[in-house]
Amino acid sequence: MEHGLLGNNTMVQVGVIVRDIDKAAADYAEFFGIDKPQARLTDSHDKTLAEYRGSPTRARAKLAFMDFGSLQVELIEPNEQPSTWREFLDRHGEGIHHLAFVVDGMKEKVATLAGKGFALQQKGEYTGGRYAYVDTTDTLKTIIELLENDRS
């Protein structure tokens, strides 16, 4: 298990749930002395094919990204539809939601993790790849996001 259950141990992103993405982006920009990241709305369900806890969801979110060396911070403002983001905000308020890792073989990784007791929470597509949030909160105290990018 040289590289653990994911096949690598290189974290690429920290996801932070926020109530007001414009304010949060401005706060991050001022604090770190960077340009304010532009927020964008995730694609609609017809493109993302998002599922939350095994059922289709119309969940969308405003996202803003900031790069800090090899680590990216993703700000996430969820809509009101059922999602891992909305659930986190309703239960815990704002804060760190996930740690993300790029993987190869998304289906196999999700199945391996499920076999170890780490359930798939949400999955979907984005332009150029797919994502999956796996519930590792009992063990790791946070959610793990898997990102798989299409090869060109």
C-alpha atoms as a PDB file:
ATOM      1  CA  MET A   1       0.000   0.000   0.000  1.00  0.00           C
ATOM      2  CA  GLU A   2       2.833   2.310  -0.992  1.00  0.00           C
ATOM      3  CA  HIS A   3       0.481   5.095  -2.071  1.00  0.00           C
ATOM      4  CA  GLY A   4      -2.512   4.197   0.054  1.00  0.00           C
ATOM      5  CA  LEU A   5      -6.045   3.625  -1.112  1.00  0.00           C
ATOM      6  CA  LEU A   6      -5.935   6.430  -3.689  1.00  0.00           C
ATOM      7  CA  GLY A   7      -2.790   5.400  -5.539  1.00  0.00           C
ATOM      8  CA  ASN A   8      -1.087   8.680  -4.609  1.00  0.00           C
ATOM      9  CA  ASN A   9      -0.766  10.968  -1.638  1.00  0.00           C
ATOM     10  CA  THR A  10      -0.527  14.336  -3.381  1.00  0.00           C
ATOM     11  CA  MET A  11      -3.234  16.701  -2.192  1.00  0.00           C
ATOM     12  CA  VAL A  12      -4.217  19.220  -4.871  1.00  0.00           C
ATOM     13  CA  GLN A  13      -7.089  21.126  -3.297  1.00  0.00           C
ATOM     14  CA  VAL A  14      -8.799  22.216  -0.103  1.00  0.00           C
ATOM     15  CA  GLY A  15     -12.514  22.953  -0.467  1.00  0.00           C
ATOM     16  CA  VAL A  16     -14.120  25.577   1.770  1.00  0.00           C
ATOM     17  CA  ILE A  17     -17.895  25.981   2.074  1.00  0.00           C
ATOM     18  CA  VAL A  18     -19.064  29.601   2.340  1.00  0.00           C
ATOM     19  CA  ARG A  19     -22.412  31.392   2.566  1.00  0.00           C
ATOM     20  CA  ASP A  20     -21.370  34.398   0.450  1.00  0.00           C
ATOM     21  CA  ILE A  21     -18.746  33.639  -2.177  1.00  0.00           C
ATOM     22  CA  ASP A  22     -18.226  37.261  -3.194  1.00  0.00           C
ATOM     23  CA  LYS A  23     -17.427  38.301   0.375  1.00  0.00           C
ATOM     24  CA  ALA A  24     -15.256  35.228   0.988  1.00  0.00           C
ATOM     25  CA  ALA A  25     -13.327  35.773  -2.267  1.00  0.00           C
ATOM     26  CA  ALA A  26     -12.752  39.424  -1.361  1.00  0.00           C
ATOM     27  CA  ASP A  27     -11.607  38.442   2.140  1.00  0.00           C
ATOM     28  CA  TYR A  28      -9.131  35.864   0.768  1.00  0.00           C
ATOM     29  CA  ALA A  29      -7.840  38.367  -1.812  1.00  0.00           C
ATOM     30  CA  GLU A  30      -7.273  41.077   0.786  1.00  0.00           C
ATOM     31  CA  PHE A  31      -5.685  38.729   3.330  1.00  0.00           C
ATOM     32  CA  PHE A  32      -3.265  37.123   0.860  1.00  0.00           C
ATOM     33  CA  GLY A  33      -2.680  40.173  -1.370  1.00  0.00           C
ATOM     34  CA  ILE A  34      -3.950  38.447  -4.509  1.00  0.00           C
ATOM     35  CA  ASP A  35      -6.474  39.310  -7.194  1.00  0.00           C
ATOM     36  CA  LYS A  36     -10.030  38.512  -6.195  1.00  0.00           C
ATOM     37  CA  PRO A  37     -10.976  35.228  -7.891  1.00  0.00           C
ATOM     38  CA  GLN A  38     -14.022  35.318 -10.127  1.00  0.00           C
ATOM     39  CA  ALA A  39     -16.898  33.087  -9.072  1.00  0.00           C
ATOM     40  CA  ARG A  40     -18.616  30.915 -11.635  1.00  0.00           C
ATOM     41  CA  LEU A  41     -21.725  28.767 -11.453  1.00  0.00           C
ATOM     42  CA  THR A  42     -21.365  25.037 -11.956  1.00  0.00           C
ATOM     43  CA  ASP A  43     -23.051  23.481 -14.968  1.00  0.00           C
ATOM     44  CA  SER A  44     -26.668  22.327 -14.839  1.00  0.00           C
ATOM     45  CA  HIS A  45     -27.667  18.708 -14.205  1.00  0.00           C
ATOM     46  CA  ASP A  46     -27.947  17.872 -17.913  1.00  0.00           C
ATOM     47  CA  LYS A  47     -24.145  18.327 -18.109  1.00  0.00           C
ATOM     48  CA  THR A  48     -23.008  17.290 -14.629  1.00  0.00           C
ATOM     49  CA  LEU A  49     -25.308  14.271 -14.210  1.00  0.00           C
ATOM     50  CA  ALA A  50     -24.812  14.890 -10.492  1.00  0.00           C
ATOM     51  CA  GLU A  51     -25.974  12.327  -7.966  1.00  0.00           C
ATOM     52  CA  TYR A  52     -26.208  12.860  -4.238  1.00  0.00           C
ATOM     53  CA  ARG A  53     -26.530   9.797  -2.017  1.00  0.00           C
ATOM     54  CA  GLY A  54     -27.471   7.705  -5.054  1.00  0.00           C
ATOM     55  CA  SER A  55     -30.189   9.978  -6.480  1.00  0.00           C
ATOM     56  CA  PRO A  56     -30.043  12.636  -9.193  1.00  0.00           C
ATOM     57  CA  THR A  57     -29.780  16.170  -7.819  1.00  0.00           C
ATOM     58  CA  ARG A  58     -30.158  19.633  -9.290  1.00  0.00           C
ATOM     59  CA  ALA A  59     -27.451  20.835  -6.930  1.00  0.00           C
ATOM     60  CA  ARG A  60     -25.307  23.642  -8.222  1.00  0.00           C
ATOM     61  CA  ALA A  61     -22.761  25.886  -6.589  1.00  0.00           C
ATOM     62  CA  LYS A  62     -20.827  29.043  -7.198  1.00  0.00           C
ATOM     63  CA  LEU A  63     -17.110  28.243  -7.224  1.00  0.00           C
ATOM     64  CA  ALA A  64     -14.000  30.397  -6.990  1.00  0.00           C
ATOM     65  CA  PHE A  65     -10.449  29.044  -7.218  1.00  0.00           C
ATOM     66  CA  MET A  66      -7.157  30.357  -5.888  1.00  0.00           C
ATOM     67  CA  ASP A  67      -3.781  28.729  -6.476  1.00  0.00           C
ATOM     68  CA  PHE A  68      -1.223  28.698  -3.673  1.00  0.00           C
ATOM     69  CA  GLY A  69       1.803  26.926  -5.113  1.00  0.00           C
ATOM     70  CA  SER A  70       0.858  23.300  -5.692  1.00  0.00           C
ATOM     71  CA  LEU A  71      -2.312  23.578  -3.588  1.00  0.00           C
ATOM     72  CA  GLN A  72      -5.577  25.114  -4.728  1.00  0.00           C
ATOM     73  CA  VAL A  73      -8.254  26.579  -2.464  1.00  0.00           C
ATOM     74  CA  GLU A  74     -11.799  26.191  -3.790  1.00  0.00           C
ATOM     75  CA  LEU A  75     -14.528  28.375  -2.320  1.00  0.00           C
ATOM     76  CA  ILE A  76     -17.999  26.808  -2.669  1.00  0.00           C
ATOM     77  CA  GLU A  77     -21.353  28.529  -2.185  1.00  0.00           C
ATOM     78  CA  PRO A  78     -24.065  25.869  -2.631  1.00  0.00           C
ATOM     79  CA  ASN A  79     -27.596  26.394  -3.854  1.00  0.00           C
ATOM     80  CA  GLU A  80     -30.536  25.055  -1.822  1.00  0.00           C
ATOM     81  CA  GLN A  81     -30.753  21.681  -3.604  1.00  0.00           C
ATOM     82  CA  PRO A  82     -29.618  18.490  -1.820  1.00  0.00           C
ATOM     83  CA  SER A  83     -25.842  18.068  -2.007  1.00  0.00           C
ATOM     84  CA  THR A  84     -22.804  17.323   0.096  1.00  0.00           C
ATOM     85  CA  TRP A  85     -22.149  21.079   0.075  1.00  0.00           C
ATOM     86  CA  ARG A  86     -25.639  22.037   1.308  1.00  0.00           C
ATOM     87  CA  GLU A  87     -25.568  19.273   3.933  1.00  0.00           C
ATOM     88  CA  PHE A  88     -22.220  20.519   5.258  1.00  0.00           C
ATOM     89  CA  LEU A  89     -23.362  24.155   5.400  1.00  0.00           C
ATOM     90  CA  ASP A  90     -26.626  23.259   7.150  1.00  0.00           C
ATOM     91  CA  ARG A  91     -24.933  20.968   9.706  1.00  0.00           C
ATOM     92  CA  HIS A  92     -21.612  22.696  10.353  1.00  0.00           C
ATOM     93  CA  GLY A  93     -21.756  26.185   8.894  1.00  0.00           C
ATOM     94  CA  GLU A  94     -18.845  27.552   6.905  1.00  0.00           C
ATOM     95  CA  GLY A  95     -15.501  25.792   6.894  1.00  0.00           C
ATOM     96  CA  ILE A  96     -13.230  23.204   5.327  1.00  0.00           C
ATOM     97  CA  HIS A  97     -15.367  20.650   3.495  1.00  0.00           C
ATOM     98  CA  HIS A  98     -12.877  18.447   1.659  1.00  0.00           C
ATOM     99  CA  LEU A  99      -9.349  17.558   0.672  1.00  0.00           C
ATOM    100  CA  ALA A 100      -8.972  16.636  -3.020  1.00  0.00           C
ATOM    101  CA  PHE A 101      -6.667  14.233  -4.845  1.00  0.00           C
ATOM    102  CA  VAL A 102      -6.317  13.494  -8.570  1.00  0.00           C
ATOM    103  CA  VAL A 103      -6.772   9.787  -9.281  1.00  0.00           C
ATOM    104  CA  ASP A 104      -6.687   7.385 -12.196  1.00  0.00           C
ATOM    105  CA  GLY A 105      -9.496   4.832 -12.425  1.00  0.00           C
ATOM    106  CA  MET A 106     -12.279   6.681 -10.621  1.00  0.00           C
ATOM    107  CA  LYS A 107     -14.762   3.773 -10.635  1.00  0.00           C
ATOM    108  CA  GLU A 108     -12.205   1.369  -9.214  1.00  0.00           C
ATOM    109  CA  LYS A 109     -11.104   3.840  -6.524  1.00  0.00           C
ATOM    110  CA  VAL A 110     -14.708   4.507  -5.461  1.00  0.00           C
ATOM    111  CA  ALA A 111     -15.374   0.757  -5.300  1.00  0.00           C
ATOM    112  CA  THR A 112     -12.195   0.141  -3.279  1.00  0.00           C
ATOM    113  CA  LEU A 113     -13.094   2.886  -0.831  1.00  0.00           C
ATOM    114  CA  ALA A 114     -16.680   1.619  -0.522  1.00  0.00           C
ATOM    115  CA  GLY A 115     -15.276  -1.818   0.281  1.00  0.00           C
ATOM    116  CA  LYS A 116     -13.338  -0.234   3.148  1.00  0.00           C
ATOM    117  CA  GLY A 117     -16.510   1.424   4.509  1.00  0.00           C
ATOM    118  CA  PHE A 118     -16.082   4.850   2.903  1.00  0.00           C
ATOM    119  CA  ALA A 119     -19.376   5.550   1.131  1.00  0.00           C
ATOM    120  CA  LEU A 120     -19.789   7.607  -2.008  1.00  0.00           C
ATOM    121  CA  GLN A 121     -21.609  10.804  -1.074  1.00  0.00           C
ATOM    122  CA  GLN A 122     -21.832  12.703  -4.347  1.00  0.00           C
ATOM    123  CA  LYS A 123     -20.495  12.397  -7.865  1.00  0.00           C
ATOM    124  CA  GLY A 124     -20.715  14.280 -11.121  1.00  0.00           C
ATOM    125  CA  GLU A 125     -19.038  15.408 -14.306  1.00  0.00           C
ATOM    126  CA  TYR A 126     -17.290  18.651 -15.202  1.00  0.00           C
ATOM    127  CA  THR A 127     -15.755  19.828 -18.444  1.00  0.00           C
ATOM    128  CA  GLY A 128     -12.669  17.682 -18.779  1.00  0.00           C
ATOM    129  CA  GLY A 129     -13.367  15.110 -16.079  1.00  0.00           C
ATOM    130  CA  ARG A 130     -15.352  13.899 -13.130  1.00  0.00           C
ATOM    131  CA  TYR A 131     -15.452  14.166  -9.350  1.00  0.00           C
ATOM    132  CA  ALA A 132     -16.560  12.028  -6.418  1.00  0.00           C
ATOM    133  CA  TYR A 133     -16.913  12.933  -2.753  1.00  0.00           C
ATOM    134  CA  VAL A 134     -16.289  10.025  -0.393  1.00  0.00           C
ATOM    135  CA  ASP A 135     -17.426  10.124   3.232  1.00  0.00           C
ATOM    136  CA  THR A 136     -14.293   9.672   5.313  1.00  0.00           C
ATOM    137  CA  THR A 137     -15.431  11.910   8.166  1.00  0.00           C
ATOM    138  CA  ASP A 138     -15.520   9.217  10.867  1.00  0.00           C
ATOM    139  CA  THR A 139     -11.904   8.266  10.174  1.00  0.00           C
ATOM    140  CA  LEU A 140     -10.263  11.401   8.704  1.00  0.00           C
ATOM    141  CA  LYS A 141     -12.623  14.077  10.114  1.00  0.00           C
ATOM    142  CA  THR A 142     -13.182  15.481   6.624  1.00  0.00           C
ATOM    143  CA  ILE A 143     -14.473  14.410   3.214  1.00  0.00           C
ATOM    144  CA  ILE A 144     -12.095  13.241   0.478  1.00  0.00           C
ATOM    145  CA  GLU A 145     -12.753  14.373  -3.087  1.00  0.00           C
ATOM    146  CA  LEU A 146     -11.466  12.321  -6.004  1.00  0.00           C
ATOM    147  CA  LEU A 147     -10.806  14.152  -9.257  1.00  0.00           C
ATOM    148  CA  GLU A 148     -10.235  12.304 -12.514  1.00  0.00           C
ATOM    149  CA  ASN A 149      -9.264  14.338 -15.548  1.00  0.00           C
ATOM    150  CA  ASP A 150      -9.786  13.138 -19.108  1.00  0.00           C
ATOM    151  CA  ARG A 151      -6.645  12.494 -21.074  1.00  0.00           C
ATOM    152  CA  SER A 152      -6.330  14.390 -24.319  1.00  0.00           C
END
